[in-house]
C-alpha atoms as a PDB file:
ATOM      1  CA  MET A   1      33.211 -79.983 -43.060  1.00  0.00           C
ATOM      2  CA  THR A   2      30.383 -82.532 -42.843  1.00  0.00           C
ATOM      3  CA  ALA A   3      28.974 -83.736 -39.538  1.00  0.00           C
ATOM      4  CA  SER A   4      30.644 -87.135 -39.964  1.00  0.00           C
ATOM      5  CA  MET A   5      34.016 -85.462 -40.662  1.00  0.00           C
ATOM      6  CA  LYS A   6      33.700 -83.343 -37.526  1.00  0.00           C
ATOM      7  CA  ILE A   7      32.998 -86.421 -35.415  1.00  0.00           C
ATOM      8  CA  MET A   8      35.882 -88.308 -37.031  1.00  0.00           C
ATOM      9  CA  LYS A   9      38.185 -85.425 -36.067  1.00  0.00           C
ATOM     10  CA  TYR A  10      37.718 -86.378 -32.428  1.00  0.00           C
ATOM     11  CA  ILE A  11      37.443 -90.154 -32.513  1.00  0.00           C
ATOM     12  CA  MET A  12      40.072 -91.057 -35.119  1.00  0.00           C
ATOM     13  CA  PRO A  13      43.123 -90.052 -33.048  1.00  0.00           C
ATOM     14  CA  LEU A  14      41.910 -92.438 -30.350  1.00  0.00           C
ATOM     15  CA  LEU A  15      41.252 -95.132 -32.938  1.00  0.00           C
ATOM     16  CA  LEU A  16      44.829 -94.740 -34.159  1.00  0.00           C
ATOM     17  CA  ILE A  17      46.089 -95.154 -30.611  1.00  0.00           C
ATOM     18  CA  ALA A  18      43.924 -98.270 -30.323  1.00  0.00           C
ATOM     19  CA  CYS A  19      45.653 -99.647 -33.428  1.00  0.00           C
ATOM     20  CA  MET A  20      49.070 -99.249 -31.857  1.00  0.00           C
ATOM     21  CA  PHE A  21      48.207-100.757 -28.491  1.00  0.00           C
ATOM     22  CA  ALA A  22      45.858-103.553 -29.586  1.00  0.00           C
ATOM     23  CA  SER A  23      47.070-107.106 -29.016  1.00  0.00           C
ATOM     24  CA  CYS A  24      49.558-108.552 -31.487  1.00  0.00           C
ATOM     25  CA  ASP A  25      48.535-112.185 -31.910  1.00  0.00           C
ATOM     26  CA  THR A  26      50.211-114.328 -34.541  1.00  0.00           C
ATOM     27  CA  ASP A  27      47.666-117.112 -34.816  1.00  0.00           C
ATOM     28  CA  VAL A  28      43.921-116.686 -35.019  1.00  0.00           C
ATOM     29  CA  GLU A  29      43.242-119.952 -33.232  1.00  0.00           C
ATOM     30  CA  ASN A  30      45.981-119.704 -30.577  1.00  0.00           C
ATOM     31  CA  ALA A  31      46.194-116.048 -29.688  1.00  0.00           C
ATOM     32  CA  THR A  32      47.550-114.154 -26.712  1.00  0.00           C
ATOM     33  CA  VAL A  33      45.291-113.383 -23.769  1.00  0.00           C
ATOM     34  CA  VAL A  34      44.831-109.607 -23.860  1.00  0.00           C
ATOM     35  CA  ALA A  35      42.305-107.367 -22.144  1.00  0.00           C
ATOM     36  CA  PRO A  36      40.306-105.230 -24.596  1.00  0.00           C
ATOM     37  CA  THR A  37      41.069-101.510 -24.648  1.00  0.00           C
ATOM     38  CA  THR A  38      38.305 -99.295 -23.264  1.00  0.00           C
ATOM     39  CA  TYR A  39      37.718 -95.537 -23.298  1.00  0.00           C
ATOM     40  CA  GLY A  40      35.499 -93.006 -21.586  1.00  0.00           C
ATOM     41  CA  PRO A  41      31.802 -92.303 -22.229  1.00  0.00           C
ATOM     42  CA  GLN A  42      32.474 -89.327 -24.548  1.00  0.00           C
ATOM     43  CA  TYR A  43      34.568 -91.459 -26.890  1.00  0.00           C
ATOM     44  CA  TYR A  44      31.764 -94.001 -27.258  1.00  0.00           C
ATOM     45  CA  LYS A  45      29.151 -91.279 -27.710  1.00  0.00           C
ATOM     46  CA  ASN A  46      31.232 -89.754 -30.514  1.00  0.00           C
ATOM     47  CA  LEU A  47      31.664 -93.210 -32.021  1.00  0.00           C
ATOM     48  CA  ARG A  48      27.914 -93.874 -31.987  1.00  0.00           C
ATOM     49  CA  ASP A  49      27.215 -90.418 -33.440  1.00  0.00           C
ATOM     50  CA  TYR A  50      29.698 -91.042 -36.244  1.00  0.00           C
ATOM     51  CA  LYS A  51      28.014 -94.323 -37.128  1.00  0.00           C
ATOM     52  CA  LYS A  52      24.647 -92.559 -37.269  1.00  0.00           C
ATOM     53  CA  SER A  53      26.024 -89.927 -39.663  1.00  0.00           C
ATOM     54  CA  ASP A  54      25.897 -89.977 -43.466  1.00  0.00           C
ATOM     55  CA  HIS A  55      29.144 -91.642 -44.570  1.00  0.00           C
ATOM     56  CA  SER A  56      30.566 -94.578 -46.520  1.00  0.00           C
ATOM     57  CA  ILE A  57      30.332 -97.576 -44.221  1.00  0.00           C
ATOM     58  CA  ALA A  58      32.694-100.381 -43.214  1.00  0.00           C
ATOM     59  CA  TRP A  59      31.023-103.804 -43.491  1.00  0.00           C
ATOM     60  CA  GLY A  60      32.264-107.184 -42.307  1.00  0.00           C
ATOM     61  CA  TRP A  61      31.022-110.768 -42.266  1.00  0.00           C
ATOM     62  CA  PHE A  62      32.225-112.208 -38.948  1.00  0.00           C
ATOM     63  CA  ALA A  63      32.316-115.879 -37.945  1.00  0.00           C
ATOM     64  CA  ASP A  64      34.158-118.239 -35.605  1.00  0.00           C
ATOM     65  CA  TYR A  65      33.245-116.155 -32.558  1.00  0.00           C
ATOM     66  CA  THR A  66      33.732-118.084 -29.366  1.00  0.00           C
ATOM     67  CA  GLN A  67      34.044-117.651 -25.625  1.00  0.00           C
ATOM     68  CA  SER A  68      37.832-118.005 -25.915  1.00  0.00           C
ATOM     69  CA  THR A  69      40.356-115.676 -24.318  1.00  0.00           C
ATOM     70  CA  SER A  70      41.626-114.545 -27.716  1.00  0.00           C
ATOM     71  CA  LEU A  71      40.286-111.283 -29.111  1.00  0.00           C
ATOM     72  CA  ALA A  72      40.831-112.806 -32.554  1.00  0.00           C
ATOM     73  CA  THR A  73      37.513-114.639 -32.242  1.00  0.00           C
ATOM     74  CA  ARG A  74      35.599-112.213 -30.057  1.00  0.00           C
ATOM     75  CA  PHE A  75      33.285-109.307 -30.764  1.00  0.00           C
ATOM     76  CA  LEU A  76      35.379-107.091 -28.502  1.00  0.00           C
ATOM     77  CA  GLY A  77      38.312-107.592 -30.870  1.00  0.00           C
ATOM     78  CA  LEU A  78      36.515-106.049 -33.856  1.00  0.00           C
ATOM     79  CA  PRO A  79      37.597-102.571 -34.978  1.00  0.00           C
ATOM     80  CA  ASP A  80      35.575 -99.977 -33.067  1.00  0.00           C
ATOM     81  CA  SER A  81      34.767 -98.120 -36.289  1.00  0.00           C
ATOM     82  CA  LEU A  82      33.155-101.128 -38.013  1.00  0.00           C
ATOM     83  CA  ASP A  83      29.659 -99.977 -38.986  1.00  0.00           C
ATOM     84  CA  ILE A  84      27.857-103.230 -39.784  1.00  0.00           C
ATOM     85  CA  CYS A  85      28.693-106.769 -38.689  1.00  0.00           C
ATOM     86  CA  SER A  86      26.939-109.615 -40.509  1.00  0.00           C
ATOM     87  CA  LEU A  87      26.729-112.618 -38.180  1.00  0.00           C
ATOM     88  CA  TRP A  88      28.052-115.343 -40.476  1.00  0.00           C
ATOM     89  CA  GLY A  89      28.642-117.638 -37.505  1.00  0.00           C
ATOM     90  CA  GLY A  90      24.969-117.598 -36.527  1.00  0.00           C
ATOM     91  CA  ILE A  91      23.113-115.807 -33.743  1.00  0.00           C
ATOM     92  CA  PRO A  92      24.548-116.036 -30.221  1.00  0.00           C
ATOM     93  CA  SER A  93      21.867-116.010 -27.530  1.00  0.00           C
ATOM     94  CA  ASP A  94      21.616-115.908 -23.755  1.00  0.00           C
ATOM     95  CA  ASP A  95      18.330-117.826 -23.867  1.00  0.00           C
ATOM     96  CA  SER A  96      18.528-121.557 -24.547  1.00  0.00           C
ATOM     97  CA  THR A  97      14.860-121.599 -25.602  1.00  0.00           C
ATOM     98  CA  HIS A  98      15.370-119.311 -28.594  1.00  0.00           C
ATOM     99  CA  VAL A  99      15.202-121.170 -31.891  1.00  0.00           C
ATOM    100  CA  ASP A 100      17.760-120.737 -34.683  1.00  0.00           C
ATOM    101  CA  THR A 101      20.406-119.490 -32.236  1.00  0.00           C
ATOM    102  CA  HIS A 102      23.508-120.754 -30.434  1.00  0.00           C
ATOM    103  CA  TYR A 103      23.352-120.681 -26.647  1.00  0.00           C
ATOM    104  CA  LEU A 104      26.514-118.690 -25.915  1.00  0.00           C
ATOM    105  CA  PRO A 105      25.686-116.259 -23.105  1.00  0.00           C
ATOM    106  CA  GLU A 106      29.193-114.774 -22.784  1.00  0.00           C
ATOM    107  CA  VAL A 107      29.408-114.208 -26.533  1.00  0.00           C
ATOM    108  CA  TYR A 108      25.908-112.719 -26.497  1.00  0.00           C
ATOM    109  CA  ARG A 109      26.860-110.210 -23.795  1.00  0.00           C
ATOM    110  CA  GLU A 110      29.936-109.094 -25.722  1.00  0.00           C
ATOM    111  CA  MET A 111      27.909-108.821 -28.921  1.00  0.00           C
ATOM    112  CA  LYS A 112      25.299-106.633 -27.203  1.00  0.00           C
ATOM    113  CA  TYR A 113      28.053-104.441 -25.736  1.00  0.00           C
ATOM    114  CA  VAL A 114      29.463-103.846 -29.214  1.00  0.00           C
ATOM    115  CA  GLN A 115      25.960-103.076 -30.471  1.00  0.00           C
ATOM    116  CA  GLU A 116      24.798-100.821 -27.647  1.00  0.00           C
ATOM    117  CA  VAL A 117      28.012 -99.086 -26.554  1.00  0.00           C
ATOM    118  CA  LYS A 118      29.998 -98.948 -29.798  1.00  0.00           C
ATOM    119  CA  GLY A 119      26.995 -98.555 -32.091  1.00  0.00           C
ATOM    120  CA  THR A 120      27.912-101.427 -34.419  1.00  0.00           C
ATOM    121  CA  ARG A 121      24.825-102.633 -36.299  1.00  0.00           C
ATOM    122  CA  LEU A 122      24.253-106.410 -36.278  1.00  0.00           C
ATOM    123  CA  VAL A 123      22.508-108.085 -39.200  1.00  0.00           C
ATOM    124  CA  VAL A 124      21.613-111.733 -39.745  1.00  0.00           C
ATOM    125  CA  PRO A 125      22.749-113.257 -43.047  1.00  0.00           C
ATOM    126  CA  THR A 126      20.875-116.004 -44.805  1.00  0.00           C
ATOM    127  CA  ILE A 127      21.213-117.496 -48.283  1.00  0.00           C
ATOM    128  CA  ILE A 128      17.666-117.001 -49.504  1.00  0.00           C
ATOM    129  CA  ARG A 129      16.768-120.185 -51.364  1.00  0.00           C
ATOM    130  CA  ILE A 130      13.277-121.383 -50.580  1.00  0.00           C
ATOM    131  CA  ARG A 131      13.819-124.841 -52.094  1.00  0.00           C
ATOM    132  CA  THR A 132      16.111-125.594 -49.156  1.00  0.00           C
ATOM    133  CA  ARG A 133      13.114-125.215 -46.842  1.00  0.00           C
ATOM    134  CA  PRO A 134      10.590-127.991 -47.660  1.00  0.00           C
ATOM    135  CA  GLU A 135       8.155-126.783 -44.987  1.00  0.00           C
ATOM    136  CA  PHE A 136       7.634-123.695 -47.141  1.00  0.00           C
ATOM    137  CA  TYR A 137       8.460-124.818 -50.672  1.00  0.00           C
ATOM    138  CA  ASP A 138       7.067-128.360 -50.780  1.00  0.00           C
ATOM    139  CA  SER A 139       4.200-127.890 -48.336  1.00  0.00           C
ATOM    140  CA  ILE A 140       2.946-124.464 -49.420  1.00  0.00           C
ATOM    141  CA  TRP A 141       4.484-123.386 -52.734  1.00  0.00           C
ATOM    142  CA  VAL A 142       3.969-126.756 -54.451  1.00  0.00           C
ATOM    143  CA  LYS A 143       1.204-128.640 -52.616  1.00  0.00           C
ATOM    144  CA  GLN A 144      -0.986-125.596 -52.014  1.00  0.00           C
ATOM    145  CA  ASN A 145       0.109-123.928 -55.258  1.00  0.00           C
ATOM    146  CA  ASP A 146       0.560-120.667 -53.363  1.00  0.00           C
ATOM    147  CA  PRO A 147       4.043-119.189 -53.934  1.00  0.00           C
ATOM    148  CA  GLN A 148       3.259-115.898 -52.217  1.00  0.00           C
ATOM    149  CA  ALA A 149       1.996-117.585 -49.051  1.00  0.00           C
ATOM    150  CA  ALA A 150       5.152-119.715 -49.051  1.00  0.00           C
ATOM    151  CA  MET A 151       7.362-116.634 -49.368  1.00  0.00           C
ATOM    152  CA  ARG A 152       5.511-114.842 -46.573  1.00  0.00           C
ATOM    153  CA  ALA A 153       5.891-117.862 -44.271  1.00  0.00           C
ATOM    154  CA  TYR A 154       9.601-118.079 -45.115  1.00  0.00           C
ATOM    155  CA  ALA A 155      10.047-114.365 -44.415  1.00  0.00           C
ATOM    156  CA  GLN A 156       8.251-114.660 -41.077  1.00  0.00           C
ATOM    157  CA  ASP A 157      10.568-117.492 -40.100  1.00  0.00           C
ATOM    158  CA  LEU A 158      13.657-115.411 -40.927  1.00  0.00           C
ATOM    159  CA  LEU A 159      12.425-112.289 -39.159  1.00  0.00           C
ATOM    160  CA  ARG A 160      11.562-113.829 -35.813  1.00  0.00           C
ATOM    161  CA  PRO A 161      15.095-114.456 -34.446  1.00  0.00           C
ATOM    162  CA  ILE A 162      16.143-110.972 -35.545  1.00  0.00           C
ATOM    163  CA  PHE A 163      13.421-109.333 -33.457  1.00  0.00           C
ATOM    164  CA  GLU A 164      13.591-111.896 -30.665  1.00  0.00           C
ATOM    165  CA  ASN A 165      17.293-111.273 -30.072  1.00  0.00           C
ATOM    166  CA  GLY A 166      17.256-107.488 -30.464  1.00  0.00           C
ATOM    167  CA  LEU A 167      19.351-107.417 -33.645  1.00  0.00           C
ATOM    168  CA  ASP A 168      19.421-104.688 -36.276  1.00  0.00           C
ATOM    169  CA  GLY A 169      18.215-106.296 -39.469  1.00  0.00           C
ATOM    170  CA  ILE A 170      18.599-108.863 -42.221  1.00  0.00           C
ATOM    171  CA  ASP A 171      21.347-109.554 -44.753  1.00  0.00           C
ATOM    172  CA  MET A 172      19.750-111.420 -47.664  1.00  0.00           C
ATOM    173  CA  ASP A 173      22.431-113.389 -49.505  1.00  0.00           C
ATOM    174  CA  TYR A 174      21.026-113.470 -53.038  1.00  0.00           C
ATOM    175  CA  GLU A 175      22.654-116.318 -54.970  1.00  0.00           C
ATOM    176  CA  PRO A 176      19.610-118.097 -56.489  1.00  0.00           C
ATOM    177  CA  GLU A 177      21.392-120.727 -58.620  1.00  0.00           C
ATOM    178  CA  GLY A 178      18.072-121.780 -60.120  1.00  0.00           C
ATOM    179  CA  ASP A 179      15.979-121.260 -56.995  1.00  0.00           C
ATOM    180  CA  PRO A 180      12.493-119.862 -57.723  1.00  0.00           C
ATOM    181  CA  LEU A 181      13.004-117.104 -55.162  1.00  0.00           C
ATOM    182  CA  SER A 182      14.473-114.842 -57.846  1.00  0.00           C
ATOM    183  CA  GLY A 183      13.342-112.227 -60.342  1.00  0.00           C
ATOM    184  CA  GLY A 184       9.789-111.082 -59.651  1.00  0.00           C
ATOM    185  CA  ASN A 185       9.483-113.485 -56.727  1.00  0.00           C
ATOM    186  CA  LEU A 186      12.472-111.804 -55.083  1.00  0.00           C
ATOM    187  CA  ASP A 187      10.769-108.448 -55.621  1.00  0.00           C
ATOM    188  CA  TYR A 188       7.687-109.727 -53.781  1.00  0.00           C
ATOM    189  CA  PHE A 189       9.781-111.260 -50.995  1.00  0.00           C
ATOM    190  CA  VAL A 190      11.759-108.048 -50.431  1.00  0.00           C
ATOM    191  CA  GLU A 191       8.591-105.951 -50.447  1.00  0.00           C
ATOM    192  CA  TYR A 192       7.039-108.202 -47.792  1.00  0.00           C
ATOM    193  CA  VAL A 193      10.148-108.236 -45.584  1.00  0.00           C
ATOM    194  CA  GLY A 194      10.351-104.483 -46.163  1.00  0.00           C
ATOM    195  CA  GLN A 195       7.112-104.009 -44.234  1.00  0.00           C
ATOM    196  CA  PHE A 196       9.026-104.980 -41.074  1.00  0.00           C
ATOM    197  CA  VAL A 197      12.641-103.842 -41.602  1.00  0.00           C
ATOM    198  CA  GLY A 198      14.271-101.281 -43.870  1.00  0.00           C
ATOM    199  CA  PRO A 199      13.394 -97.720 -44.873  1.00  0.00           C
ATOM    200  CA  MET A 200       9.769 -98.515 -45.808  1.00  0.00           C
ATOM    201  CA  ALA A 201       8.942-100.466 -42.638  1.00  0.00           C
ATOM    202  CA  SER A 202       5.980 -99.195 -40.646  1.00  0.00           C
ATOM    203  CA  PRO A 203       4.896 -99.717 -37.027  1.00  0.00           C
ATOM    204  CA  ASP A 204       1.465-100.429 -38.500  1.00  0.00           C
ATOM    205  CA  SER A 205       2.863-103.663 -39.961  1.00  0.00           C
ATOM    206  CA  THR A 206       2.569-106.428 -37.391  1.00  0.00           C
ATOM    207  CA  PHE A 207       2.634-110.197 -37.381  1.00  0.00           C
ATOM    208  CA  THR A 208       1.799-112.509 -34.488  1.00  0.00           C
ATOM    209  CA  TYR A 209       3.224-116.036 -34.366  1.00  0.00           C
ATOM    210  CA  PRO A 210       1.193-119.013 -33.086  1.00  0.00           C
ATOM    211  CA  ASP A 211       2.831-118.760 -29.639  1.00  0.00           C
ATOM    212  CA  GLY A 212       1.832-115.103 -29.315  1.00  0.00           C
ATOM    213  CA  PHE A 213       5.201-113.507 -30.124  1.00  0.00           C
ATOM    214  CA  THR A 214       4.597-110.372 -32.199  1.00  0.00           C
ATOM    215  CA  ILE A 215       6.880-108.386 -34.483  1.00  0.00           C
ATOM    216  CA  LYS A 216       6.231-104.779 -35.466  1.00  0.00           C
ATOM    217  CA  GLY A 217       7.715-102.890 -38.408  1.00  0.00           C
ATOM    218  CA  ASN A 218      10.695-100.692 -37.550  1.00  0.00           C
ATOM    219  CA  PRO A 219      12.212 -98.345 -40.184  1.00  0.00           C
ATOM    220  CA  ASN A 220      15.364 -97.981 -38.070  1.00  0.00           C
ATOM    221  CA  MET A 221      16.184-101.629 -38.736  1.00  0.00           C
ATOM    222  CA  LEU A 222      18.116-102.640 -41.839  1.00  0.00           C
ATOM    223  CA  LEU A 223      17.298-104.551 -44.999  1.00  0.00           C
ATOM    224  CA  CYS A 224      20.503-105.386 -46.872  1.00  0.00           C
ATOM    225  CA  ILE A 225      20.940-107.538 -49.964  1.00  0.00           C
ATOM    226  CA  ASP A 226      24.331-109.013 -50.756  1.00  0.00           C
ATOM    227  CA  TYR A 227      24.784-110.612 -54.136  1.00  0.00           C
ATOM    228  CA  TYR A 228      27.205-112.394 -56.445  1.00  0.00           C
ATOM    229  CA  GLY A 229      26.453-113.016 -60.097  1.00  0.00           C
ATOM    230  CA  SER A 230      22.697-112.468 -60.229  1.00  0.00           C
ATOM    231  CA  ALA A 231      21.667-109.049 -58.964  1.00  0.00           C
ATOM    232  CA  PRO A 232      18.410-107.766 -57.463  1.00  0.00           C
ATOM    233  CA  SER A 233      16.235-105.507 -59.576  1.00  0.00           C
ATOM    234  CA  GLY A 234      15.411-101.836 -59.174  1.00  0.00           C
ATOM    235  CA  ASN A 235      12.028-102.827 -57.738  1.00  0.00           C
ATOM    236  CA  THR A 236      13.820-103.616 -54.474  1.00  0.00           C
ATOM    237  CA  ASN A 237      15.440-100.185 -54.205  1.00  0.00           C
ATOM    238  CA  LYS A 238      13.002 -98.325 -51.978  1.00  0.00           C
ATOM    239  CA  PHE A 239      12.908-101.206 -49.480  1.00  0.00           C
ATOM    240  CA  THR A 240      16.687-101.657 -49.231  1.00  0.00           C
ATOM    241  CA  ASN A 241      19.323 -99.845 -47.161  1.00  0.00           C
ATOM    242  CA  TRP A 242      22.446-101.309 -48.789  1.00  0.00           C
ATOM    243  CA  TYR A 243      23.387-103.531 -51.700  1.00  0.00           C
ATOM    244  CA  VAL A 244      26.534-105.420 -50.761  1.00  0.00           C
ATOM    245  CA  ASN A 245      28.426-106.547 -53.836  1.00  0.00           C
ATOM    246  CA  GLN A 246      30.581-109.646 -53.439  1.00  0.00           C
ATOM    247  CA  THR A 247      33.175-108.010 -55.690  1.00  0.00           C
ATOM    248  CA  TYR A 248      35.837-110.549 -54.646  1.00  0.00           C
ATOM    249  CA  GLY A 249      38.815-109.402 -56.685  1.00  0.00           C
ATOM    250  CA  GLY A 250      36.782-107.720 -59.413  1.00  0.00           C
ATOM    251  CA  SER A 251      36.710-104.041 -60.244  1.00  0.00           C
ATOM    252  CA  PRO A 252      34.508-101.781 -58.114  1.00  0.00           C
ATOM    253  CA  GLY A 253      32.010 -99.437 -59.686  1.00  0.00           C
ATOM    254  CA  ARG A 254      29.288-101.737 -60.954  1.00  0.00           C
ATOM    255  CA  VAL A 255      25.802-101.291 -59.543  1.00  0.00           C
ATOM    256  CA  PRO A 256      23.088-103.981 -59.308  1.00  0.00           C
ATOM    257  CA  PHE A 257      20.700-102.184 -61.656  1.00  0.00           C
ATOM    258  CA  SER A 258      20.606 -99.082 -63.820  1.00  0.00           C
ATOM    259  CA  GLY A 259      19.974 -95.972 -61.763  1.00  0.00           C
ATOM    260  CA  CYS A 260      20.952 -97.541 -58.447  1.00  0.00           C
ATOM    261  CA  PRO A 261      22.196 -94.834 -56.069  1.00  0.00           C
ATOM    262  CA  THR A 262      25.966 -95.250 -55.724  1.00  0.00           C
ATOM    263  CA  GLU A 263      25.750 -94.426 -52.012  1.00  0.00           C
ATOM    264  CA  LYS A 264      23.850 -97.686 -51.474  1.00  0.00           C
ATOM    265  CA  VAL A 265      26.511 -99.994 -52.951  1.00  0.00           C
ATOM    266  CA  VAL A 266      29.192-101.600 -50.758  1.00  0.00           C
ATOM    267  CA  TYR A 267      32.174-103.358 -52.419  1.00  0.00           C
ATOM    268  CA  THR A 268      33.686-106.327 -50.582  1.00  0.00           C
ATOM    269  CA  GLU A 269      36.705-108.625 -50.766  1.00  0.00           C
ATOM    270  CA  ASN A 270      36.990-112.289 -49.752  1.00  0.00           C
ATOM    271  CA  VAL A 271      39.494-111.882 -46.918  1.00  0.00           C
ATOM    272  CA  GLY A 272      38.918-115.512 -45.967  1.00  0.00           C
ATOM    273  CA  ASP A 273      40.908-116.492 -49.069  1.00  0.00           C
ATOM    274  CA  ASN A 274      43.171-113.445 -49.330  1.00  0.00           C
ATOM    275  CA  TRP A 275      44.226-112.628 -45.779  1.00  0.00           C
ATOM    276  CA  LYS A 276      47.868-113.508 -46.508  1.00  0.00           C
ATOM    277  CA  ALA A 277      48.009-111.374 -49.664  1.00  0.00           C
ATOM    278  CA  ALA A 278      49.231-107.786 -49.675  1.00  0.00           C
ATOM    279  CA  GLU A 279      46.333-105.503 -48.720  1.00  0.00           C
ATOM    280  CA  CYS A 280      44.156-108.640 -48.412  1.00  0.00           C
ATOM    281  CA  GLY A 281      43.786-108.708 -52.181  1.00  0.00           C
ATOM    282  CA  GLN A 282      41.640-105.813 -53.396  1.00  0.00           C
ATOM    283  CA  LEU A 283      40.316-104.798 -49.971  1.00  0.00           C
ATOM    284  CA  LEU A 284      42.133-101.469 -49.787  1.00  0.00           C
ATOM    285  CA  ASN A 285      41.400-100.684 -53.435  1.00  0.00           C
ATOM    286  CA  TYR A 286      37.716-100.954 -52.578  1.00  0.00           C
ATOM    287  CA  ALA A 287      38.291 -98.563 -49.676  1.00  0.00           C
ATOM    288  CA  ARG A 288      40.079 -96.138 -52.020  1.00  0.00           C
ATOM    289  CA  TYR A 289      37.501 -96.305 -54.795  1.00  0.00           C
ATOM    290  CA  GLN A 290      35.166 -93.363 -55.270  1.00  0.00           C
ATOM    291  CA  PRO A 291      32.554 -93.054 -58.040  1.00  0.00           C
ATOM    292  CA  SER A 292      32.827 -90.159 -60.488  1.00  0.00           C
ATOM    293  CA  THR A 293      29.837 -88.496 -58.868  1.00  0.00           C
ATOM    294  CA  GLY A 294      28.590 -88.777 -55.311  1.00  0.00           C
ATOM    295  CA  ARG A 295      30.139 -91.426 -53.078  1.00  0.00           C
ATOM    296  CA  LYS A 296      30.006 -95.179 -52.683  1.00  0.00           C
ATOM    297  CA  GLY A 297      28.091 -96.994 -49.979  1.00  0.00           C
ATOM    298  CA  GLY A 298      31.255 -98.419 -48.472  1.00  0.00           C
ATOM    299  CA  PHE A 299      33.752-101.263 -48.472  1.00  0.00           C
ATOM    300  CA  GLY A 300      34.008-104.499 -46.541  1.00  0.00           C
ATOM    301  CA  ALA A 301      35.298-108.008 -46.078  1.00  0.00           C
ATOM    302  CA  PHE A 302      34.032-111.582 -45.998  1.00  0.00           C
ATOM    303  CA  PHE A 303      35.570-113.495 -43.073  1.00  0.00           C
ATOM    304  CA  MET A 304      37.036-110.230 -41.873  1.00  0.00           C
ATOM    305  CA  HIS A 305      38.415-111.926 -38.743  1.00  0.00           C
ATOM    306  CA  ARG A 306      41.150-113.540 -40.864  1.00  0.00           C
ATOM    307  CA  ASP A 307      42.707-110.053 -41.031  1.00  0.00           C
ATOM    308  CA  TYR A 308      43.093-110.008 -37.247  1.00  0.00           C
ATOM    309  CA  ILE A 309      46.672-111.296 -37.297  1.00  0.00           C
ATOM    310  CA  ASN A 310      47.838-108.822 -39.940  1.00  0.00           C
ATOM    311  CA  THR A 311      49.976-105.917 -38.765  1.00  0.00           C
ATOM    312  CA  GLY A 312      51.111-102.671 -40.341  1.00  0.00           C
ATOM    313  CA  TYR A 313      50.031 -99.063 -40.850  1.00  0.00           C
ATOM    314  CA  GLY A 314      50.636 -98.514 -37.135  1.00  0.00           C
ATOM    315  CA  CYS A 315      48.143-101.246 -36.208  1.00  0.00           C
ATOM    316  CA  SER A 316      48.918-104.519 -34.473  1.00  0.00           C
ATOM    317  CA  ASN A 317      45.743-106.309 -35.618  1.00  0.00           C
ATOM    318  CA  TYR A 318      43.051-105.954 -38.285  1.00  0.00           C
ATOM    319  CA  ALA A 319      45.632-103.791 -40.036  1.00  0.00           C
ATOM    320  CA  ASN A 320      44.000-103.815 -43.466  1.00  0.00           C
ATOM    321  CA  MET A 321      40.449-103.255 -42.243  1.00  0.00           C
ATOM    322  CA  ARG A 322      41.557-100.457 -39.925  1.00  0.00           C
ATOM    323  CA  HIS A 323      43.678 -98.813 -42.622  1.00  0.00           C
ATOM    324  CA  GLY A 324      40.855 -99.157 -45.129  1.00  0.00           C
ATOM    325  CA  ILE A 325      38.501 -97.327 -42.785  1.00  0.00           C
ATOM    326  CA  GLN A 326      41.079 -94.516 -42.478  1.00  0.00           C
ATOM    327  CA  ILE A 327      41.437 -94.341 -46.261  1.00  0.00           C
ATOM    328  CA  GLN A 328      37.694 -94.265 -46.859  1.00  0.00           C
ATOM    329  CA  ASN A 329      36.868 -91.782 -44.084  1.00  0.00           C
ATOM    330  CA  PRO A 330      40.125 -89.990 -43.205  1.00  0.00           C
ATOM    331  CA  ALA A 331      40.502 -88.237 -39.881  1.00  0.00           C
ATOM    332  CA  ILE A 332      40.415 -84.449 -40.083  1.00  0.00           C
ATOM    333  CA  HIS A 333      43.133 -82.743 -38.037  1.00  0.00           C
END
């Protein structure tokens, strides 16, 4: 029995109970006022230990979070066993001076509780297209004829709010569609970002912004690349924690490049479009899938919060996500 299986033996029965007693809302926008379920310190310690263990992860892009009374649009409503939450709705902050954030102090406090108590990792997604940022592309790449300086400046801009708000890493959404930040340029960009987050990050890597704010490399932070169509190359492998495939109804099993470790690849469904379909489309098939050798990186959902109103499998919300987690990492009794 692996360490993660041993931990699951103790936390999964409680997670199943949580499924049965969670709120049963029927509309994501107009949901019932329900207090979140809480447990004792040992439960949360076991939960954090499980998430630190070597296992196939559960990933979700989450948006529409608000300060409403409904758990359908709150961090506290997310499944406890969700490993990584990509903040598709932007970065909530409790500091109105922070740039590139939304001043939502109540949301921020809930988000930090989920991060610190439940051990859910929080990553910041961004569609990495440098042409959309004229201050880097036009002013540096083109006018100064210095693509690498432009990419470094772009990376520094993306990294700051992650460090400033105590988040866990970056989710690079790689869909170039003709953008020059692709191919070898993507390799360079990932290598530079990888000095600060991801498995190759080093505390010796530092950068100080004009106002004196300094970031320092941290290998415990995450560098994830999600992709659809075009895929990153093998040159990004040593800098990357997970490759998140926007499988979206397709067959699981493909990897972004030849020789990619299967345990780094996460297969995801578009629940935003398929939340009314049985099993949210292919979501549970991605949870069931296992490669012929080794294991997969995990499964996940885009707009996972649309699954909140779905019931079944003994769960009164997030039924498909919760059941998928059970399928992928079954409790040991």
